[in-house]
Amino acid sequence: MSLKAQVTTTGDVTVMEVAGKLSHESQKMLQDNIEQLIRDGKQIILDIKGLDFVGSSGITSFFRNLKETGERTGIRPRFCNVSLEFRRIMDAYKLDSEMIHENRIDAVRSFFRSGSGESN
């Protein structure tokens, strides 16, 4: 199965439900879509419950690019439904724990906590 993303938007929060394989090639397309949504002023949540394969070069590029995008724009995407395996990878890339949530509801709420500096 190739990488697939289903996108839903409510207000300024966009949820991308990602499923399939994240390879070096597919991560570039996903990253470009995320960056466009950020340029459009959207807060992004990546629901990765359906992600069943991640190539090492794909994940390296993906997390590096997300971190750089967050530093450049001040908007950090959130993740939800993260397996233990992916949590370990995220920890290795030193992604802020504020980016990782158990479920979509918690991820959405994280954008609107006082002091987050990311709510509109």
PDB file of N, CA and C in Angstrom:
ATOM      1  N   MET A   1       0.853  -1.189   0.000  1.00  0.00           N
ATOM      2  CA  MET A   1       0.000   0.000   0.000  1.00  0.00           C
ATOM      3  C   MET A   1       0.889   1.240   0.000  1.00  0.00           C
ATOM      4  N   SER A   2       0.622   2.170  -0.886  1.00  0.00           N
ATOM      5  CA  SER A   2       1.343   3.433  -0.901  1.00  0.00           C
ATOM      6  C   SER A   2       0.795   4.341   0.196  1.00  0.00           C
ATOM      7  N   LEU A   3       1.422   5.485   0.365  1.00  0.00           N
ATOM      8  CA  LEU A   3       0.989   6.432   1.378  1.00  0.00           C
ATOM      9  C   LEU A   3      -0.302   7.111   0.936  1.00  0.00           C
ATOM     10  N   LYS A   4      -1.267   7.167   1.837  1.00  0.00           N
ATOM     11  CA  LYS A   4      -2.539   7.839   1.583  1.00  0.00           C
ATOM     12  C   LYS A   4      -2.815   8.788   2.740  1.00  0.00           C
ATOM     13  N   ALA A   5      -3.439   9.899   2.431  1.00  0.00           N
ATOM     14  CA  ALA A   5      -3.799  10.864   3.466  1.00  0.00           C
ATOM     15  C   ALA A   5      -5.226  11.343   3.227  1.00  0.00           C
ATOM     16  N   GLN A   6      -6.030  11.247   4.260  1.00  0.00           N
ATOM     17  CA  GLN A   6      -7.391  11.774   4.216  1.00  0.00           C
ATOM     18  C   GLN A   6      -7.388  13.040   5.062  1.00  0.00           C
ATOM     19  N   VAL A   7      -7.867  14.129   4.490  1.00  0.00           N
ATOM     20  CA  VAL A   7      -7.795  15.431   5.150  1.00  0.00           C
ATOM     21  C   VAL A   7      -9.194  15.916   5.512  1.00  0.00           C
ATOM     22  N   THR A   8      -9.340  16.341   6.771  1.00  0.00           N
ATOM     23  CA  THR A   8     -10.564  16.995   7.224  1.00  0.00           C
ATOM     24  C   THR A   8     -10.166  18.287   7.930  1.00  0.00           C
ATOM     25  N   THR A   9     -10.992  19.313   7.773  1.00  0.00           N
ATOM     26  CA  THR A   9     -10.684  20.614   8.361  1.00  0.00           C
ATOM     27  C   THR A   9     -11.875  21.125   9.150  1.00  0.00           C
ATOM     28  N   THR A  10     -11.584  21.618  10.340  1.00  0.00           N
ATOM     29  CA  THR A  10     -12.578  22.297  11.158  1.00  0.00           C
ATOM     30  C   THR A  10     -11.949  23.596  11.625  1.00  0.00           C
ATOM     31  N   GLY A  11     -12.443  24.700  11.121  1.00  0.00           N
ATOM     32  CA  GLY A  11     -11.845  25.989  11.466  1.00  0.00           C
ATOM     33  C   GLY A  11     -10.415  26.046  10.969  1.00  0.00           C
ATOM     34  N   ASP A  12      -9.493  26.384  11.866  1.00  0.00           N
ATOM     35  CA  ASP A  12      -8.085  26.479  11.508  1.00  0.00           C
ATOM     36  C   ASP A  12      -7.308  25.205  11.819  1.00  0.00           C
ATOM     37  N   VAL A  13      -8.003  24.137  12.183  1.00  0.00           N
ATOM     38  CA  VAL A  13      -7.335  22.873  12.490  1.00  0.00           C
ATOM     39  C   VAL A  13      -7.617  21.877  11.373  1.00  0.00           C
ATOM     40  N   THR A  14      -6.545  21.351  10.801  1.00  0.00           N
ATOM     41  CA  THR A  14      -6.633  20.356   9.743  1.00  0.00           C
ATOM     42  C   THR A  14      -6.065  19.046  10.247  1.00  0.00           C
ATOM     43  N   VAL A  15      -6.830  17.971  10.101  1.00  0.00           N
ATOM     44  CA  VAL A  15      -6.375  16.637  10.491  1.00  0.00           C
ATOM     45  C   VAL A  15      -6.048  15.871   9.218  1.00  0.00           C
ATOM     46  N   MET A  16      -4.820  15.343   9.183  1.00  0.00           N
ATOM     47  CA  MET A  16      -4.405  14.468   8.084  1.00  0.00           C
ATOM     48  C   MET A  16      -4.282  13.065   8.664  1.00  0.00           C
ATOM     49  N   GLU A  17      -5.173  12.197   8.239  1.00  0.00           N
ATOM     50  CA  GLU A  17      -5.117  10.809   8.661  1.00  0.00           C
ATOM     51  C   GLU A  17      -4.250  10.077   7.646  1.00  0.00           C
ATOM     52  N   VAL A  18      -3.068   9.656   8.096  1.00  0.00           N
ATOM     53  CA  VAL A  18      -2.066   9.079   7.210  1.00  0.00           C
ATOM     54  C   VAL A  18      -2.073   7.561   7.361  1.00  0.00           C
ATOM     55  N   ALA A  19      -2.050   6.866   6.215  1.00  0.00           N
ATOM     56  CA  ALA A  19      -2.057   5.399   6.228  1.00  0.00           C
ATOM     57  C   ALA A  19      -1.125   4.877   5.146  1.00  0.00           C
ATOM     58  N   GLY A  20      -0.586   3.700   5.389  1.00  0.00           N
ATOM     59  CA  GLY A  20       0.245   3.043   4.385  1.00  0.00           C
ATOM     60  C   GLY A  20       1.717   3.133   4.701  1.00  0.00           C
ATOM     61  N   LYS A  21       2.515   3.347   3.637  1.00  0.00           N
ATOM     62  CA  LYS A  21       3.966   3.329   3.737  1.00  0.00           C
ATOM     63  C   LYS A  21       4.536   4.738   3.593  1.00  0.00           C
ATOM     64  N   LEU A  22       5.406   5.104   4.526  1.00  0.00           N
ATOM     65  CA  LEU A  22       6.111   6.386   4.446  1.00  0.00           C
ATOM     66  C   LEU A  22       7.534   6.093   3.984  1.00  0.00           C
ATOM     67  N   SER A  23       7.798   6.402   2.737  1.00  0.00           N
ATOM     68  CA  SER A  23       9.124   6.185   2.159  1.00  0.00           C
ATOM     69  C   SER A  23       9.779   7.539   1.934  1.00  0.00           C
ATOM     70  N   HIS A  24      11.017   7.504   1.481  1.00  0.00           N
ATOM     71  CA  HIS A  24      11.720   8.751   1.184  1.00  0.00           C
ATOM     72  C   HIS A  24      10.948   9.557   0.134  1.00  0.00           C
ATOM     73  N   GLU A  25      10.424   8.879  -0.872  1.00  0.00           N
ATOM     74  CA  GLU A  25       9.695   9.565  -1.943  1.00  0.00           C
ATOM     75  C   GLU A  25       8.353  10.115  -1.458  1.00  0.00           C
ATOM     76  N   SER A  26       7.600   9.301  -0.729  1.00  0.00           N
ATOM     77  CA  SER A  26       6.263   9.738  -0.307  1.00  0.00           C
ATOM     78  C   SER A  26       6.322  10.805   0.779  1.00  0.00           C
ATOM     79  N   GLN A  27       7.372  10.824   1.598  1.00  0.00           N
ATOM     80  CA  GLN A  27       7.453  11.836   2.648  1.00  0.00           C
ATOM     81  C   GLN A  27       7.599  13.225   2.054  1.00  0.00           C
ATOM     82  N   LYS A  28       8.242  13.350   0.911  1.00  0.00           N
ATOM     83  CA  LYS A  28       8.412  14.665   0.280  1.00  0.00           C
ATOM     84  C   LYS A  28       7.054  15.248  -0.115  1.00  0.00           C
ATOM     85  N   MET A  29       6.192  14.422  -0.708  1.00  0.00           N
ATOM     86  CA  MET A  29       4.858  14.884  -1.089  1.00  0.00           C
ATOM     87  C   MET A  29       4.049  15.266   0.151  1.00  0.00           C
ATOM     88  N   LEU A  30       4.118  14.438   1.187  1.00  0.00           N
ATOM     89  CA  LEU A  30       3.407  14.722   2.432  1.00  0.00           C
ATOM     90  C   LEU A  30       3.923  16.020   3.049  1.00  0.00           C
ATOM     91  N   GLN A  31       5.231  16.183   3.098  1.00  0.00           N
ATOM     92  CA  GLN A  31       5.827  17.392   3.652  1.00  0.00           C
ATOM     93  C   GLN A  31       5.393  18.625   2.876  1.00  0.00           C
ATOM     94  N   ASP A  32       5.370  18.549   1.561  1.00  0.00           N
ATOM     95  CA  ASP A  32       4.932  19.690   0.743  1.00  0.00           C
ATOM     96  C   ASP A  32       3.483  20.065   1.067  1.00  0.00           C
ATOM     97  N   ASN A  33       2.618  19.066   1.237  1.00  0.00           N
ATOM     98  CA  ASN A  33       1.221  19.334   1.583  1.00  0.00           C
ATOM     99  C   ASN A  33       1.104  19.973   2.957  1.00  0.00           C
ATOM    100  N   ILE A  34       1.877  19.496   3.910  1.00  0.00           N
ATOM    101  CA  ILE A  34       1.857  20.066   5.260  1.00  0.00           C
ATOM    102  C   ILE A  34       2.321  21.516   5.221  1.00  0.00           C
ATOM    103  N   GLU A  35       3.411  21.787   4.508  1.00  0.00           N
ATOM    104  CA  GLU A  35       3.917  23.157   4.426  1.00  0.00           C
ATOM    105  C   GLU A  35       2.904  24.097   3.775  1.00  0.00           C
ATOM    106  N   GLN A  36       2.182  23.627   2.755  1.00  0.00           N
ATOM    107  CA  GLN A  36       1.166  24.463   2.120  1.00  0.00           C
ATOM    108  C   GLN A  36       0.044  24.784   3.109  1.00  0.00           C
ATOM    109  N   LEU A  37      -0.385  23.799   3.876  1.00  0.00           N
ATOM    110  CA  LEU A  37      -1.435  24.036   4.870  1.00  0.00           C
ATOM    111  C   LEU A  37      -0.967  25.032   5.929  1.00  0.00           C
ATOM    112  N   ILE A  38       0.278  24.934   6.342  1.00  0.00           N
ATOM    113  CA  ILE A  38       0.821  25.881   7.317  1.00  0.00           C
ATOM    114  C   ILE A  38       0.859  27.278   6.721  1.00  0.00           C
ATOM    115  N   ARG A  39       1.293  27.396   5.463  1.00  0.00           N
ATOM    116  CA  ARG A  39       1.286  28.715   4.794  1.00  0.00           C
ATOM    117  C   ARG A  39      -0.129  29.285   4.716  1.00  0.00           C
ATOM    118  N   ASP A  40      -1.132  28.399   4.626  1.00  0.00           N
ATOM    119  CA  ASP A  40      -2.530  28.825   4.599  1.00  0.00           C
ATOM    120  C   ASP A  40      -3.061  29.145   6.001  1.00  0.00           C
ATOM    121  N   GLY A  41      -2.200  29.043   7.019  1.00  0.00           N
ATOM    122  CA  GLY A  41      -2.590  29.393   8.377  1.00  0.00           C
ATOM    123  C   GLY A  41      -3.262  28.276   9.159  1.00  0.00           C
ATOM    124  N   LYS A  42      -3.155  27.062   8.694  1.00  0.00           N
ATOM    125  CA  LYS A  42      -3.804  25.936   9.370  1.00  0.00           C
ATOM    126  C   LYS A  42      -2.898  25.327  10.436  1.00  0.00           C
ATOM    127  N   GLN A  43      -3.520  24.894  11.516  1.00  0.00           N
ATOM    128  CA  GLN A  43      -2.856  24.073  12.519  1.00  0.00           C
ATOM    129  C   GLN A  43      -3.017  22.635  12.040  1.00  0.00           C
ATOM    130  N   ILE A  44      -1.969  21.842  12.076  1.00  0.00           N
ATOM    131  CA  ILE A  44      -1.984  20.497  11.502  1.00  0.00           C
ATOM    132  C   ILE A  44      -1.899  19.430  12.582  1.00  0.00           C
ATOM    133  N   ILE A  45      -2.756  18.426  12.452  1.00  0.00           N
ATOM    134  CA  ILE A  45      -2.668  17.226  13.283  1.00  0.00           C
ATOM    135  C   ILE A  45      -2.473  16.051  12.337  1.00  0.00           C
ATOM    136  N   LEU A  46      -1.443  15.264  12.580  1.00  0.00           N
ATOM    137  CA  LEU A  46      -1.192  14.056  11.798  1.00  0.00           C
ATOM    138  C   LEU A  46      -1.617  12.864  12.636  1.00  0.00           C
ATOM    139  N   ASP A  47      -2.670  12.196  12.185  1.00  0.00           N
ATOM    140  CA  ASP A  47      -3.141  10.979  12.843  1.00  0.00           C
ATOM    141  C   ASP A  47      -2.440   9.832  12.126  1.00  0.00           C
ATOM    142  N   ILE A  48      -1.478   9.187  12.810  1.00  0.00           N
ATOM    143  CA  ILE A  48      -0.659   8.180  12.138  1.00  0.00           C
ATOM    144  C   ILE A  48      -0.999   6.749  12.556  1.00  0.00           C
ATOM    145  N   LYS A  49      -2.211   6.570  13.028  1.00  0.00           N
ATOM    146  CA  LYS A  49      -2.643   5.229  13.420  1.00  0.00           C
ATOM    147  C   LYS A  49      -2.514   4.228  12.277  1.00  0.00           C
ATOM    148  N   GLY A  50      -2.803   4.657  11.055  1.00  0.00           N
ATOM    149  CA  GLY A  50      -2.785   3.757   9.909  1.00  0.00           C
ATOM    150  C   GLY A  50      -1.433   3.607   9.231  1.00  0.00           C
ATOM    151  N   LEU A  51      -0.418   4.262   9.768  1.00  0.00           N
ATOM    152  CA  LEU A  51       0.916   4.154   9.182  1.00  0.00           C
ATOM    153  C   LEU A  51       1.501   2.804   9.560  1.00  0.00           C
ATOM    154  N   ASP A  52       1.723   1.937   8.554  1.00  0.00           N
ATOM    155  CA  ASP A  52       2.174   0.592   8.881  1.00  0.00           C
ATOM    156  C   ASP A  52       3.595   0.297   8.450  1.00  0.00           C
ATOM    157  N   PHE A  53       4.222   1.197   7.712  1.00  0.00           N
ATOM    158  CA  PHE A  53       5.619   1.005   7.329  1.00  0.00           C
ATOM    159  C   PHE A  53       6.273   2.361   7.195  1.00  0.00           C
ATOM    160  N   VAL A  54       7.472   2.461   7.743  1.00  0.00           N
ATOM    161  CA  VAL A  54       8.244   3.680   7.600  1.00  0.00           C
ATOM    162  C   VAL A  54       9.669   3.287   7.245  1.00  0.00           C
ATOM    163  N   GLY A  55      10.110   3.710   6.077  1.00  0.00           N
ATOM    164  CA  GLY A  55      11.495   3.482   5.687  1.00  0.00           C
ATOM    165  C   GLY A  55      12.406   4.407   6.472  1.00  0.00           C
ATOM    166  N   SER A  56      13.587   3.959   6.790  1.00  0.00           N
ATOM    167  CA  SER A  56      14.489   4.756   7.628  1.00  0.00           C
ATOM    168  C   SER A  56      14.832   6.097   6.993  1.00  0.00           C
ATOM    169  N   SER A  57      15.051   6.131   5.683  1.00  0.00           N
ATOM    170  CA  SER A  57      15.356   7.414   5.043  1.00  0.00           C
ATOM    171  C   SER A  57      14.116   8.304   4.994  1.00  0.00           C
ATOM    172  N   GLY A  58      12.933   7.713   4.866  1.00  0.00           N
ATOM    173  CA  GLY A  58      11.697   8.491   4.847  1.00  0.00           C
ATOM    174  C   GLY A  58      11.434   9.169   6.170  1.00  0.00           C
ATOM    175  N   ILE A  59      11.602   8.441   7.254  1.00  0.00           N
ATOM    176  CA  ILE A  59      11.314   9.010   8.572  1.00  0.00           C
ATOM    177  C   ILE A  59      12.345  10.059   8.953  1.00  0.00           C
ATOM    178  N   THR A  60      13.603   9.823   8.573  1.00  0.00           N
ATOM    179  CA  THR A  60      14.658  10.791   8.872  1.00  0.00           C
ATOM    180  C   THR A  60      14.352  12.126   8.213  1.00  0.00           C
ATOM    181  N   SER A  61      14.067  12.089   6.921  1.00  0.00           N
ATOM    182  CA  SER A  61      13.754  13.324   6.193  1.00  0.00           C
ATOM    183  C   SER A  61      12.487  13.972   6.722  1.00  0.00           C
ATOM    184  N   PHE A  62      11.477  13.172   6.986  1.00  0.00           N
ATOM    185  CA  PHE A  62      10.187  13.684   7.420  1.00  0.00           C
ATOM    186  C   PHE A  62      10.302  14.443   8.736  1.00  0.00           C
ATOM    187  N   PHE A  63      10.903  13.823   9.760  1.00  0.00           N
ATOM    188  CA  PHE A  63      11.008  14.493  11.053  1.00  0.00           C
ATOM    189  C   PHE A  63      11.954  15.683  11.005  1.00  0.00           C
ATOM    190  N   ARG A  64      13.041  15.588  10.257  1.00  0.00           N
ATOM    191  CA  ARG A  64      13.955  16.724  10.122  1.00  0.00           C
ATOM    192  C   ARG A  64      13.223  17.901   9.486  1.00  0.00           C
ATOM    193  N   ASN A  65      12.470  17.631   8.404  1.00  0.00           N
ATOM    194  CA  ASN A  65      11.740  18.706   7.721  1.00  0.00           C
ATOM    195  C   ASN A  65      10.642  19.304   8.587  1.00  0.00           C
ATOM    196  N   LEU A  66       9.919  18.457   9.344  1.00  0.00           N
ATOM    197  CA  LEU A  66       8.884  18.986  10.231  1.00  0.00           C
ATOM    198  C   LEU A  66       9.478  19.893  11.303  1.00  0.00           C
ATOM    199  N   LYS A  67      10.592  19.464  11.849  1.00  0.00           N
ATOM    200  CA  LYS A  67      11.254  20.267  12.887  1.00  0.00           C
ATOM    201  C   LYS A  67      11.697  21.618  12.310  1.00  0.00           C
ATOM    202  N   GLU A  68      12.288  21.600  11.113  1.00  0.00           N
ATOM    203  CA  GLU A  68      12.720  22.839  10.464  1.00  0.00           C
ATOM    204  C   GLU A  68      11.538  23.735  10.127  1.00  0.00           C
ATOM    205  N   THR A  69      10.452  23.156   9.653  1.00  0.00           N
ATOM    206  CA  THR A  69       9.247  23.934   9.344  1.00  0.00           C
ATOM    207  C   THR A  69       8.718  24.604  10.605  1.00  0.00           C
ATOM    208  N   GLY A  70       8.656  23.863  11.700  1.00  0.00           N
ATOM    209  CA  GLY A  70       8.198  24.429  12.963  1.00  0.00           C
ATOM    210  C   GLY A  70       9.072  25.571  13.448  1.00  0.00           C
ATOM    211  N   GLU A  71      10.386  25.415  13.312  1.00  0.00           N
ATOM    212  CA  GLU A  71      11.308  26.478  13.721  1.00  0.00           C
ATOM    213  C   GLU A  71      11.155  27.711  12.840  1.00  0.00           C
ATOM    214  N   ARG A  72      10.949  27.491  11.558  1.00  0.00           N
ATOM    215  CA  ARG A  72      10.833  28.588  10.602  1.00  0.00           C
ATOM    216  C   ARG A  72       9.511  29.340  10.728  1.00  0.00           C
ATOM    217  N   THR A  73       8.418  28.625  10.965  1.00  0.00           N
ATOM    218  CA  THR A  73       7.089  29.238  10.950  1.00  0.00           C
ATOM    219  C   THR A  73       6.523  29.505  12.342  1.00  0.00           C
ATOM    220  N   GLY A  74       7.048  28.808  13.346  1.00  0.00           N
ATOM    221  CA  GLY A  74       6.487  28.921  14.691  1.00  0.00           C
ATOM    222  C   GLY A  74       5.253  28.048  14.881  1.00  0.00           C
ATOM    223  N   ILE A  75       4.850  27.306  13.854  1.00  0.00           N
ATOM    224  CA  ILE A  75       3.697  26.407  13.942  1.00  0.00           C
ATOM    225  C   ILE A  75       4.217  24.975  13.909  1.00  0.00           C
ATOM    226  N   ARG A  76       3.937  24.251  14.980  1.00  0.00           N
ATOM    227  CA  ARG A  76       4.402  22.872  15.074  1.00  0.00           C
ATOM    228  C   ARG A  76       3.233  21.921  14.928  1.00  0.00           C
ATOM    229  N   PRO A  77       3.286  21.070  13.923  1.00  0.00           N
ATOM    230  CA  PRO A  77       2.222  20.079  13.767  1.00  0.00           C
ATOM    231  C   PRO A  77       2.151  19.181  15.000  1.00  0.00           C
ATOM    232  N   ARG A  78       0.983  18.622  15.229  1.00  0.00           N
ATOM    233  CA  ARG A  78       0.770  17.678  16.323  1.00  0.00           C
ATOM    234  C   ARG A  78       0.580  16.285  15.729  1.00  0.00           C
ATOM    235  N   PHE A  79       0.867  15.286  16.537  1.00  0.00           N
ATOM    236  CA  PHE A  79       0.661  13.893  16.155  1.00  0.00           C
ATOM    237  C   PHE A  79      -0.302  13.257  17.143  1.00  0.00           C
ATOM    238  N   CYS A  80      -1.130  12.344  16.651  1.00  0.00           N
ATOM    239  CA  CYS A  80      -1.980  11.570  17.547  1.00  0.00           C
ATOM    240  C   CYS A  80      -2.013  10.122  17.076  1.00  0.00           C
ATOM    241  N   ASN A  81      -2.472   9.273  17.994  1.00  0.00           N
ATOM    242  CA  ASN A  81      -2.520   7.830  17.735  1.00  0.00           C
ATOM    243  C   ASN A  81      -1.150   7.294  17.325  1.00  0.00           C
ATOM    244  N   VAL A  82      -0.153   7.657  18.123  1.00  0.00           N
ATOM    245  CA  VAL A  82       1.233   7.294  17.857  1.00  0.00           C
ATOM    246  C   VAL A  82       1.565   5.991  18.575  1.00  0.00           C
ATOM    247  N   SER A  83       2.046   5.009  17.820  1.00  0.00           N
ATOM    248  CA  SER A  83       2.426   3.729  18.432  1.00  0.00           C
ATOM    249  C   SER A  83       3.707   3.906  19.247  1.00  0.00           C
ATOM    250  N   LEU A  84       3.974   2.958  20.116  1.00  0.00           N
ATOM    251  CA  LEU A  84       5.171   2.983  20.943  1.00  0.00           C
ATOM    252  C   LEU A  84       6.424   3.020  20.064  1.00  0.00           C
ATOM    253  N   GLU A  85       6.407   2.282  18.980  1.00  0.00           N
ATOM    254  CA  GLU A  85       7.554   2.258  18.061  1.00  0.00           C
ATOM    255  C   GLU A  85       7.847   3.658  17.511  1.00  0.00           C
ATOM    256  N   PHE A  86       6.797   4.366  17.080  1.00  0.00           N
ATOM    257  CA  PHE A  86       7.001   5.701  16.541  1.00  0.00           C
ATOM    258  C   PHE A  86       7.343   6.704  17.636  1.00  0.00           C
ATOM    259  N   ARG A  87       6.841   6.497  18.842  1.00  0.00           N
ATOM    260  CA  ARG A  87       7.224   7.376  19.954  1.00  0.00           C
ATOM    261  C   ARG A  87       8.726   7.304  20.202  1.00  0.00           C
ATOM    262  N   ARG A  88       9.284   6.118  20.120  1.00  0.00           N
ATOM    263  CA  ARG A  88      10.736   5.958  20.305  1.00  0.00           C
ATOM    264  C   ARG A  88      11.500   6.717  19.218  1.00  0.00           C
ATOM    265  N   ILE A  89      11.026   6.627  17.992  1.00  0.00           N
ATOM    266  CA  ILE A  89      11.674   7.343  16.899  1.00  0.00           C
ATOM    267  C   ILE A  89      11.575   8.849  17.124  1.00  0.00           C
ATOM    268  N   MET A  90      10.397   9.315  17.519  1.00  0.00           N
ATOM    269  CA  MET A  90      10.198  10.742  17.769  1.00  0.00           C
ATOM    270  C   MET A  90      11.103  11.226  18.900  1.00  0.00           C
ATOM    271  N   ASP A  91      11.248  10.409  19.933  1.00  0.00           N
ATOM    272  CA  ASP A  91      12.146  10.759  21.034  1.00  0.00           C
ATOM    273  C   ASP A  91      13.579  10.891  20.538  1.00  0.00           C
ATOM    274  N   ALA A  92      13.978  10.004  19.640  1.00  0.00           N
ATOM    275  CA  ALA A  92      15.335  10.050  19.089  1.00  0.00           C
ATOM    276  C   ALA A  92      15.574  11.353  18.314  1.00  0.00           C
ATOM    277  N   TYR A  93      14.519  11.885  17.691  1.00  0.00           N
ATOM    278  CA  TYR A  93      14.636  13.146  16.962  1.00  0.00           C
ATOM    279  C   TYR A  93      14.358  14.356  17.839  1.00  0.00           C
ATOM    280  N   LYS A  94      14.166  14.099  19.126  1.00  0.00           N
ATOM    281  CA  LYS A  94      13.958  15.163  20.112  1.00  0.00           C
ATOM    282  C   LYS A  94      12.792  16.078  19.742  1.00  0.00           C
ATOM    283  N   LEU A  95      11.713  15.459  19.257  1.00  0.00           N
ATOM    284  CA  LEU A  95      10.506  16.237  18.993  1.00  0.00           C
ATOM    285  C   LEU A  95       9.875  16.594  20.323  1.00  0.00           C
ATOM    286  N   ASP A  96       9.419  17.799  20.450  1.00  0.00           N
ATOM    287  CA  ASP A  96       8.799  18.304  21.661  1.00  0.00           C
ATOM    288  C   ASP A  96       7.620  17.420  22.053  1.00  0.00           C
ATOM    289  N   SER A  97       7.544  17.042  23.319  1.00  0.00           N
ATOM    290  CA  SER A  97       6.448  16.178  23.776  1.00  0.00           C
ATOM    291  C   SER A  97       5.084  16.840  23.588  1.00  0.00           C
ATOM    292  N   GLU A  98       5.049  18.156  23.455  1.00  0.00           N
ATOM    293  CA  GLU A  98       3.792  18.869  23.197  1.00  0.00           C
ATOM    294  C   GLU A  98       3.218  18.502  21.830  1.00  0.00           C
ATOM    295  N   MET A  99       4.048  17.934  20.973  1.00  0.00           N
ATOM    296  CA  MET A  99       3.614  17.570  19.630  1.00  0.00           C
ATOM    297  C   MET A  99       2.923  16.211  19.585  1.00  0.00           C
ATOM    298  N   ILE A 100       3.067  15.388  20.634  1.00  0.00           N
ATOM    299  CA  ILE A 100       2.591  14.010  20.602  1.00  0.00           C
ATOM    300  C   ILE A 100       1.424  13.835  21.566  1.00  0.00           C
ATOM    301  N   HIS A 101       0.285  13.319  21.063  1.00  0.00           N
ATOM    302  CA  HIS A 101      -0.926  13.178  21.869  1.00  0.00           C
ATOM    303  C   HIS A 101      -1.557  11.812  21.672  1.00  0.00           C
ATOM    304  N   GLU A 102      -2.286  11.386  22.682  1.00  0.00           N
ATOM    305  CA  GLU A 102      -2.933  10.073  22.660  1.00  0.00           C
ATOM    306  C   GLU A 102      -4.023   9.987  21.601  1.00  0.00           C
ATOM    307  N   ASN A 103      -4.773  11.081  21.424  1.00  0.00           N
ATOM    308  CA  ASN A 103      -5.917  11.046  20.515  1.00  0.00           C
ATOM    309  C   ASN A 103      -6.124  12.415  19.875  1.00  0.00           C
ATOM    310  N   ARG A 104      -7.042  12.490  18.947  1.00  0.00           N
ATOM    311  CA  ARG A 104      -7.296  13.746  18.227  1.00  0.00           C
ATOM    312  C   ARG A 104      -7.804  14.853  19.132  1.00  0.00           C
ATOM    313  N   ILE A 105      -8.668  14.513  20.056  1.00  0.00           N
ATOM    314  CA  ILE A 105      -9.240  15.533  20.948  1.00  0.00           C
ATOM    315  C   ILE A 105      -8.139  16.239  21.719  1.00  0.00           C
ATOM    316  N   ASP A 106      -7.215  15.463  22.296  1.00  0.00           N
ATOM    317  CA  ASP A 106      -6.107  16.070  23.036  1.00  0.00           C
ATOM    318  C   ASP A 106      -5.210  16.896  22.124  1.00  0.00           C
ATOM    319  N   ALA A 107      -4.998  16.413  20.895  1.00  0.00           N
ATOM    320  CA  ALA A 107      -4.164  17.151  19.945  1.00  0.00           C
ATOM    321  C   ALA A 107      -4.804  18.493  19.590  1.00  0.00           C
ATOM    322  N   VAL A 108      -6.104  18.503  19.330  1.00  0.00           N
ATOM    323  CA  VAL A 108      -6.804  19.756  19.015  1.00  0.00           C
ATOM    324  C   VAL A 108      -6.725  20.710  20.206  1.00  0.00           C
ATOM    325  N   ARG A 109      -6.995  20.211  21.380  1.00  0.00           N
ATOM    326  CA  ARG A 109      -6.955  21.066  22.582  1.00  0.00           C
ATOM    327  C   ARG A 109      -5.583  21.696  22.796  1.00  0.00           C
ATOM    328  N   SER A 110      -4.526  20.981  22.409  1.00  0.00           N
ATOM    329  CA  SER A 110      -3.172  21.495  22.641  1.00  0.00           C
ATOM    330  C   SER A 110      -2.910  22.802  21.897  1.00  0.00           C
ATOM    331  N   PHE A 111      -3.593  23.034  20.793  1.00  0.00           N
ATOM    332  CA  PHE A 111      -3.415  24.283  20.057  1.00  0.00           C
ATOM    333  C   PHE A 111      -4.029  25.467  20.789  1.00  0.00           C
ATOM    334  N   PHE A 112      -4.976  25.210  21.673  1.00  0.00           N
ATOM    335  CA  PHE A 112      -5.735  26.292  22.270  1.00  0.00           C
ATOM    336  C   PHE A 112      -5.502  26.462  23.764  1.00  0.00           C
ATOM    337  N   ARG A 113      -4.493  25.773  24.295  1.00  0.00           N
ATOM    338  CA  ARG A 113      -4.133  25.977  25.699  1.00  0.00           C
ATOM    339  C   ARG A 113      -3.539  27.356  25.846  1.00  0.00           C
ATOM    340  N   SER A 114      -3.826  28.006  26.963  1.00  0.00           N
ATOM    341  CA  SER A 114      -3.267  29.331  27.175  1.00  0.00           C
ATOM    342  C   SER A 114      -1.747  29.217  27.235  1.00  0.00           C
ATOM    343  N   GLY A 115      -1.087  30.163  26.594  1.00  0.00           N
ATOM    344  CA  GLY A 115       0.365  30.176  26.592  1.00  0.00           C
ATOM    345  C   GLY A 115       0.982  29.385  25.461  1.00  0.00           C
ATOM    346  N   SER A 116       0.168  28.691  24.640  1.00  0.00           N
ATOM    347  CA  SER A 116       0.767  27.916  23.547  1.00  0.00           C
ATOM    348  C   SER A 116       1.303  28.825  22.453  1.00  0.00           C
ATOM    349  N   GLY A 117       0.738  30.019  22.335  1.00  0.00           N
ATOM    350  CA  GLY A 117       1.191  30.971  21.340  1.00  0.00           C
ATOM    351  C   GLY A 117       0.829  30.592  19.916  1.00  0.00           C
ATOM    352  N   GLU A 118       0.051  29.537  19.744  1.00  0.00           N
ATOM    353  CA  GLU A 118      -0.274  29.093  18.396  1.00  0.00           C
ATOM    354  C   GLU A 118      -1.753  29.192  18.079  1.00  0.00           C
ATOM    355  N   SER A 119      -2.590  29.580  19.011  1.00  0.00           N
ATOM    356  CA  SER A 119      -4.021  29.668  18.722  1.00  0.00           C
ATOM    357  C   SER A 119      -4.331  30.970  18.027  1.00  0.00           C
ATOM    358  N   ASN A 120      -5.405  30.965  17.272  1.00  0.00           N
ATOM    359  CA  ASN A 120      -5.823  32.185  16.552  1.00  0.00           C
ATOM    360  C   ASN A 120      -6.932  32.857  17.286  1.00  0.00           C
TER     361      ASN A 120
END
